[in-house]
Protein backbone atom coordinates (compact mmCIF):
# COMPACT_ATOMS: atom_id res chain seq x y z
CA MET A 1 83.48 135.65 17.50
CA LYS A 2 82.55 138.50 15.02
CA ARG A 3 79.02 139.47 15.84
CA PHE A 4 80.08 139.67 19.77
CA LEU A 5 82.70 142.20 18.26
CA GLU A 6 79.93 144.03 16.52
CA MET A 7 77.76 144.31 19.08
CA ALA A 8 79.78 145.36 22.02
CA GLN A 9 80.93 148.12 18.86
CA GLU A 10 77.12 149.02 18.55
CA VAL A 11 77.08 149.34 22.06
CA SER A 12 79.76 151.83 22.54
CA LEU A 13 78.11 153.58 19.67
CA GLU A 14 74.56 153.64 20.91
CA HIS A 15 75.66 154.73 24.13
CA ALA A 16 78.48 157.48 24.52
CA ASP A 17 79.52 157.38 28.12
CA VAL A 18 80.35 153.16 27.23
CA GLY A 19 82.98 154.34 24.12
CA HIS A 20 84.42 157.42 25.98
CA ILE A 21 85.22 154.55 29.39
CA VAL A 22 86.52 151.76 27.23
CA GLY A 23 88.03 153.47 24.04
CA LYS A 24 88.26 150.97 21.22
CA VAL A 25 87.03 147.58 21.38
CA ASN A 26 89.50 145.24 19.71
CA SER A 27 87.81 141.69 20.69
CA ALA A 28 84.55 140.42 22.29
CA ARG A 29 83.89 137.29 23.92
CA ARG A 30 80.99 136.27 25.62
CA LEU A 31 80.58 134.92 29.45
CA SER A 32 78.30 132.98 31.22
CA GLY A 33 74.55 134.38 31.11
CA LEU A 34 71.36 132.86 31.09
CA THR A 35 68.99 135.42 30.44
CA ASN A 36 71.35 138.24 29.78
CA LEU A 37 74.21 138.44 27.10
CA VAL A 38 77.45 139.44 29.03
CA LEU A 39 80.66 140.34 27.27
CA GLN A 40 84.01 140.32 28.23
CA LEU A 41 85.48 143.19 26.20
CA ASP A 42 89.34 143.80 25.55
CA ALA A 43 89.44 147.82 24.56
CA ASP A 44 91.95 150.37 24.38
CA ASN A 45 91.38 151.19 28.16
CA GLY A 46 91.68 148.23 29.40
CA ILE A 47 89.07 144.67 29.98
CA PHE A 48 85.33 145.28 30.31
CA VAL A 49 82.37 144.07 30.95
CA VAL A 50 79.13 144.69 29.69
CA ARG A 51 75.64 143.36 29.93
CA ILE A 52 73.51 143.92 27.48
CA PRO A 53 69.67 142.54 28.78
CA THR A 54 66.96 140.63 26.10
CA THR A 55 63.71 141.69 25.71
CA THR A 56 62.39 138.95 27.37
CA THR A 57 64.64 139.83 30.74
CA GLY A 58 64.08 143.71 29.95
CA LYS A 59 60.76 143.60 30.40
CA GLN A 60 60.99 141.84 34.13
CA ILE A 61 63.44 144.16 35.68
CA ASP A 62 62.97 147.52 37.34
CA ARG A 63 66.27 149.13 36.52
CA GLU A 64 65.48 152.06 38.93
CA ALA A 65 65.71 150.71 41.35
CA GLU A 66 68.39 147.36 40.44
CA TYR A 67 70.69 150.55 40.43
CA PHE A 68 69.63 151.91 43.69
CA ASN A 69 69.64 148.72 45.34
CA LEU A 70 73.26 147.97 43.40
CA SER A 71 74.61 151.49 44.98
CA CYS A 72 73.16 150.79 48.69
CA ALA A 73 75.12 147.67 48.73
CA ALA A 74 78.41 149.08 47.37
CA LYS A 75 78.28 150.90 50.00
CA LEU A 76 78.17 147.98 52.38
CA GLY A 77 81.29 146.81 50.33
CA VAL A 78 79.44 143.61 48.76
CA CYS A 79 79.90 144.73 45.24
CA GLU A 80 81.03 147.25 43.57
CA MET A 81 79.74 150.03 41.25
CA PRO A 82 79.42 149.93 37.65
CA LEU A 83 81.36 152.03 35.63
CA TYR A 84 78.20 152.94 33.86
CA PHE A 85 74.56 151.69 34.17
CA ASP A 86 71.71 152.98 32.08
CA THR A 87 67.80 152.97 33.78
CA GLY A 88 66.84 152.80 30.23
CA THR A 89 67.87 149.62 28.74
CA GLY A 90 69.74 148.37 31.42
CA VAL A 91 73.20 148.45 30.05
CA MET A 92 75.78 147.98 32.46
CA LEU A 93 79.44 148.05 32.21
CA ASN A 94 82.07 147.03 34.95
CA ARG A 95 85.59 146.96 34.67
CA ALA A 96 86.80 143.36 34.44
CA TYR A 97 87.45 141.52 38.10
CA ALA A 98 90.94 139.73 38.50
CA LEU A 99 89.22 136.55 39.48
CA ILE A 100 91.14 133.66 41.75
CA ASP A 101 90.46 130.25 40.55
CA LYS A 102 88.78 129.05 43.65
CA ARG A 103 85.61 128.22 44.80
CA PRO A 104 84.22 130.85 48.33
CA ALA A 105 84.53 128.91 51.24
CA PRO A 106 80.82 129.18 53.08
CA GLU A 107 82.24 131.10 55.96
CA GLN A 108 83.27 133.40 53.47
CA LEU A 109 79.61 133.69 51.78
CA GLY A 110 77.89 133.66 55.37
CA GLU A 111 79.33 136.98 56.61
CA ILE A 112 79.20 138.86 53.53
CA VAL A 113 75.36 137.88 53.06
CA GLY A 114 74.75 139.30 56.76
CA CYS A 115 76.68 142.44 56.20
CA LEU A 116 74.26 142.67 53.44
CA HIS A 117 70.97 142.24 55.32
CA GLN A 118 72.44 144.50 58.38
CA GLY A 119 72.15 147.34 55.59
CA LYS A 120 70.77 150.50 57.24
CA LYS A 121 68.86 151.62 53.85
CA ALA A 122 66.08 149.71 52.68
CA PHE A 123 66.24 148.23 49.36
CA LYS A 124 63.75 149.29 46.68
CA GLY A 125 61.26 146.50 45.73
CA THR A 126 59.30 143.49 47.36
CA LEU A 127 60.24 140.10 47.07
CA GLU A 128 57.09 138.15 48.33
CA VAL A 129 57.05 134.50 48.19
CA ARG A 130 53.21 133.35 47.34
CA SER A 131 53.83 135.65 44.54
CA LEU A 132 56.74 133.73 43.12
CA LEU A 133 54.83 130.85 43.45
CA GLU A 134 51.58 130.89 42.73
CA PRO A 135 52.14 131.80 38.72
CA TYR A 136 53.26 127.84 38.83
CA LEU A 137 49.67 126.78 39.93
CA THR A 138 48.43 125.95 36.50
CA SER A 139 50.90 124.29 33.84
CA ALA A 140 48.94 126.58 31.52
CA PHE A 141 51.90 129.11 30.59
CA ALA A 142 53.58 126.08 29.54
CA ARG A 143 50.94 124.18 27.64
CA SER A 144 50.14 127.64 26.08
CA VAL A 145 53.22 127.36 24.01
CA PRO A 146 53.06 125.68 20.26
CA ASP A 147 54.68 122.67 19.91
CA MET A 148 56.19 122.41 23.57
CA PRO A 149 58.51 119.09 23.94
CA ALA A 150 56.27 116.14 25.95
CA GLN A 151 59.08 116.09 28.35
CA SER A 152 58.62 119.81 29.15
CA LEU A 153 54.88 119.46 29.66
CA ALA A 154 55.47 116.58 32.29
CA LEU A 155 57.64 119.25 34.26
CA ALA A 156 55.27 122.05 34.07
CA ASP A 157 52.27 119.50 35.23
CA ASP A 158 55.19 118.53 38.24
CA LEU A 159 56.14 121.74 39.43
CA ALA A 160 51.97 122.83 39.39
CA ARG A 161 51.29 119.75 41.71
CA GLN A 162 54.19 120.03 44.06
CA VAL A 163 53.14 124.53 44.04
CA GLU A 164 49.70 123.37 45.43
CA GLN A 165 50.98 120.37 47.48
CA ALA A 166 53.53 122.95 49.16
CA LEU A 167 50.75 125.80 49.91
CA GLN A 168 48.34 123.97 50.97
CA MET A 169 51.04 122.02 53.68
CA LEU A 170 52.75 125.33 54.40
CA HIS A 171 50.51 128.05 54.19
CA LEU A 172 53.13 130.15 52.71
CA SER A 173 53.41 133.74 53.65
CA PHE A 174 56.22 134.55 55.28
CA GLU A 175 54.86 138.21 56.52
CA GLY A 176 55.87 138.09 59.69
CA SER A 177 59.77 137.48 59.07
CA MET A 178 62.00 140.03 59.47
CA MET A 179 62.50 142.02 55.50
CA VAL A 180 66.15 142.95 54.66
CA PRO A 181 68.13 144.01 52.06
CA SER A 182 68.44 141.03 50.15
CA HIS A 183 70.76 139.92 46.74
CA CYS A 184 67.91 137.20 45.97
CA ASP A 185 69.51 135.39 43.59
CA LEU A 186 72.66 133.99 44.98
CA SER A 187 74.11 131.45 42.66
CA PRO A 188 77.48 130.29 41.96
CA GLY A 189 77.20 132.60 39.08
CA ASN A 190 76.48 135.93 40.80
CA ILE A 191 79.31 134.97 43.43
CA LEU A 192 83.19 135.86 42.68
CA MET A 193 86.51 134.75 44.50
CA THR A 194 88.17 138.11 43.31
CA GLN A 195 91.71 139.66 44.12
CA GLY A 196 90.07 142.21 46.58
CA GLY A 197 87.85 139.41 48.18
CA LEU A 198 84.73 137.78 47.80
CA ARG A 199 82.16 140.29 45.67
CA LEU A 200 78.29 140.12 44.67
CA ILE A 201 77.06 140.46 41.23
CA ASP A 202 73.50 140.50 39.50
CA PHE A 203 71.03 142.83 41.54
CA GLU A 204 68.87 142.59 39.28
CA TYR A 205 66.85 140.43 41.71
CA SER A 206 67.18 142.39 44.74
CA ALA A 207 64.80 144.03 46.95
CA MET A 208 63.40 143.43 50.23
CA ALA A 209 62.89 140.02 51.73
CA PRO A 210 62.92 138.11 54.25
CA ALA A 211 66.24 136.82 55.89
CA VAL A 212 65.79 133.25 55.22
CA TRP A 213 65.38 133.39 51.72
CA ASP A 214 68.58 134.46 50.23
CA LEU A 215 70.05 131.84 53.16
CA ALA A 216 68.03 129.51 51.86
CA TYR A 217 68.47 129.76 48.19
CA ALA A 218 72.50 130.23 48.75
CA ILE A 219 72.25 126.75 50.06
CA GLN A 220 70.34 125.26 47.78
CA GLU A 221 71.76 126.57 44.21
CA ASN A 222 75.69 126.00 45.82
CA ALA A 223 74.41 122.88 46.71
CA MET A 224 76.01 122.78 50.40
CA ASP A 225 76.05 119.78 52.25
CA VAL A 226 75.29 119.43 55.73
CA VAL A 227 78.55 120.21 56.93
CA SER A 228 78.72 123.53 54.74
CA GLU A 229 75.34 124.80 55.26
CA GLU A 230 76.33 124.81 58.81
CA ALA A 231 79.64 126.62 58.61
CA PHE A 232 77.70 129.65 56.30
CA VAL A 233 74.66 129.67 58.48
CA ASN A 234 77.23 130.16 61.71
CA ALA A 235 78.79 132.98 59.96
CA TYR A 236 75.40 134.93 58.95
CA SER A 237 75.06 134.67 62.68
CA ALA A 238 78.18 135.63 64.05
CA CYS A 239 77.99 138.78 61.81
CA GLY A 240 75.65 139.46 64.55
CA ALA A 241 72.48 138.83 61.91
CA LEU A 242 69.42 136.62 63.47
CA SER A 243 69.94 132.95 62.80
CA PRO A 244 66.82 131.41 61.13
CA ALA A 245 64.99 128.73 62.93
CA ALA A 246 65.09 125.02 61.40
CA ASP A 247 61.78 124.99 60.23
CA ASP A 248 61.86 127.97 58.36
CA LEU A 249 65.08 127.42 56.80
CA GLY A 250 63.42 123.71 55.63
CA ALA A 251 60.27 125.02 54.43
CA MET A 252 62.19 128.26 52.37
CA LYS A 253 64.88 125.50 50.61
CA LEU A 254 61.69 124.32 49.36
CA CYS A 255 59.96 127.47 48.28
CA CYS A 256 63.80 128.52 46.70
CA ASP A 257 63.41 125.05 44.57
CA LEU A 258 60.11 125.61 43.43
CA VAL A 259 61.14 128.73 42.04
CA SER A 260 63.87 128.02 40.85
CA ALA A 261 62.58 124.84 39.11
CA GLY A 262 59.76 126.95 37.37
CA TRP A 263 61.92 129.60 36.14
CA ALA A 264 63.64 127.11 34.20
CA VAL A 265 60.82 125.59 32.90
CA GLN A 266 59.66 129.04 32.21
CA GLN A 267 62.55 129.41 30.39
CA LEU A 268 61.77 126.29 28.35
CA SER A 269 58.42 127.91 27.12
CA ASP A 270 60.35 130.98 26.25
CA GLY A 271 62.31 129.03 23.77
CA ASN A 272 65.67 129.84 25.40
CA ALA A 273 68.85 128.00 24.28
CA PHE A 274 71.44 129.08 26.20
CA GLY A 275 71.44 126.76 28.80
CA ASP A 276 70.05 122.76 29.96
CA PHE A 277 67.13 123.66 31.69
CA THR A 278 65.49 120.63 31.01
CA SER A 279 67.91 119.18 33.85
CA PHE A 280 68.21 122.17 35.76
CA ALA A 281 64.04 121.68 36.27
CA ARG A 282 64.71 118.05 36.96
CA LYS A 283 67.01 118.08 39.91
CA ARG A 284 65.34 121.34 41.56
CA LEU A 285 61.80 119.16 41.31
CA GLU A 286 63.71 116.25 42.83
CA SER A 287 65.11 118.53 45.94
CA ALA A 288 61.94 120.17 46.41
CA SER A 289 60.26 116.47 46.82
CA ARG A 290 63.38 115.90 49.38
CA GLN A 291 62.55 118.82 51.07
CA PHE A 292 58.54 118.25 51.11
CA ALA A 293 58.90 114.79 52.36
CA THR A 294 61.11 115.79 55.46
CA LEU A 295 59.31 118.44 56.25
CA SER A 296 56.00 116.12 56.39
CA ALA A 297 57.76 114.15 58.40
CA ARG A 298 58.19 116.68 60.79
CA GLN A 299 54.78 117.36 61.28
């Protein structure tokens, strides 16, 4: 579309290195990306992908930490270094991957996550599970939005109730967990099958985190069944990484579902129209209820 081409051309002008790398931009189209504007550029010097952060996302992300963590991960071979990265604005340029139309096998994902977690260099930033959940103990953040739809408010109320239950039952802290370099957002869109092998993208939320976070998040976000989950965790352990205890994995699945639901409700509060966040939040809350029931039965 014309407006995307104009945006790409503006980026090339505002960031001289981008213009030098790509040459003349001939066309641009939007790719998937829920909280950033991601454009594929057909330019004189090849096919590229540029990420342009939104105002809301830009306030939440430490871009210097993202670039540092991305650099560490690239040295491990789990991702590629960008051609250009502006830590001030978050604008990032990559050469487009040659993708394979095939879902990654759970074993492949387990291997690459195991490789990342065994990195010797600590990432910048720390993911604290309790601090991710506590903002959703009240639905005030949603109720403060004028004309917030009733179904969105109901989701926010349900989220607050479940977060309170989870914190009371699990006494969540995971403070004793081993902290490892983590991607922290292993959703399907951030896991690419390329001609060069499996690659991870989007290290915006990367940090030092409990090892079980990436495992639980990947299982939940990629809707792994029992067989796939077992293959994923076994491949992870085969790399030399420590396999999580079943109860720890179950507890973190609950946390991941609630954090994902909270993120979706926050998108509704922010007026983000690029995605069906209502259905996503509802599914995650339903999954959290199932996890909660399973954990309660074990106690």
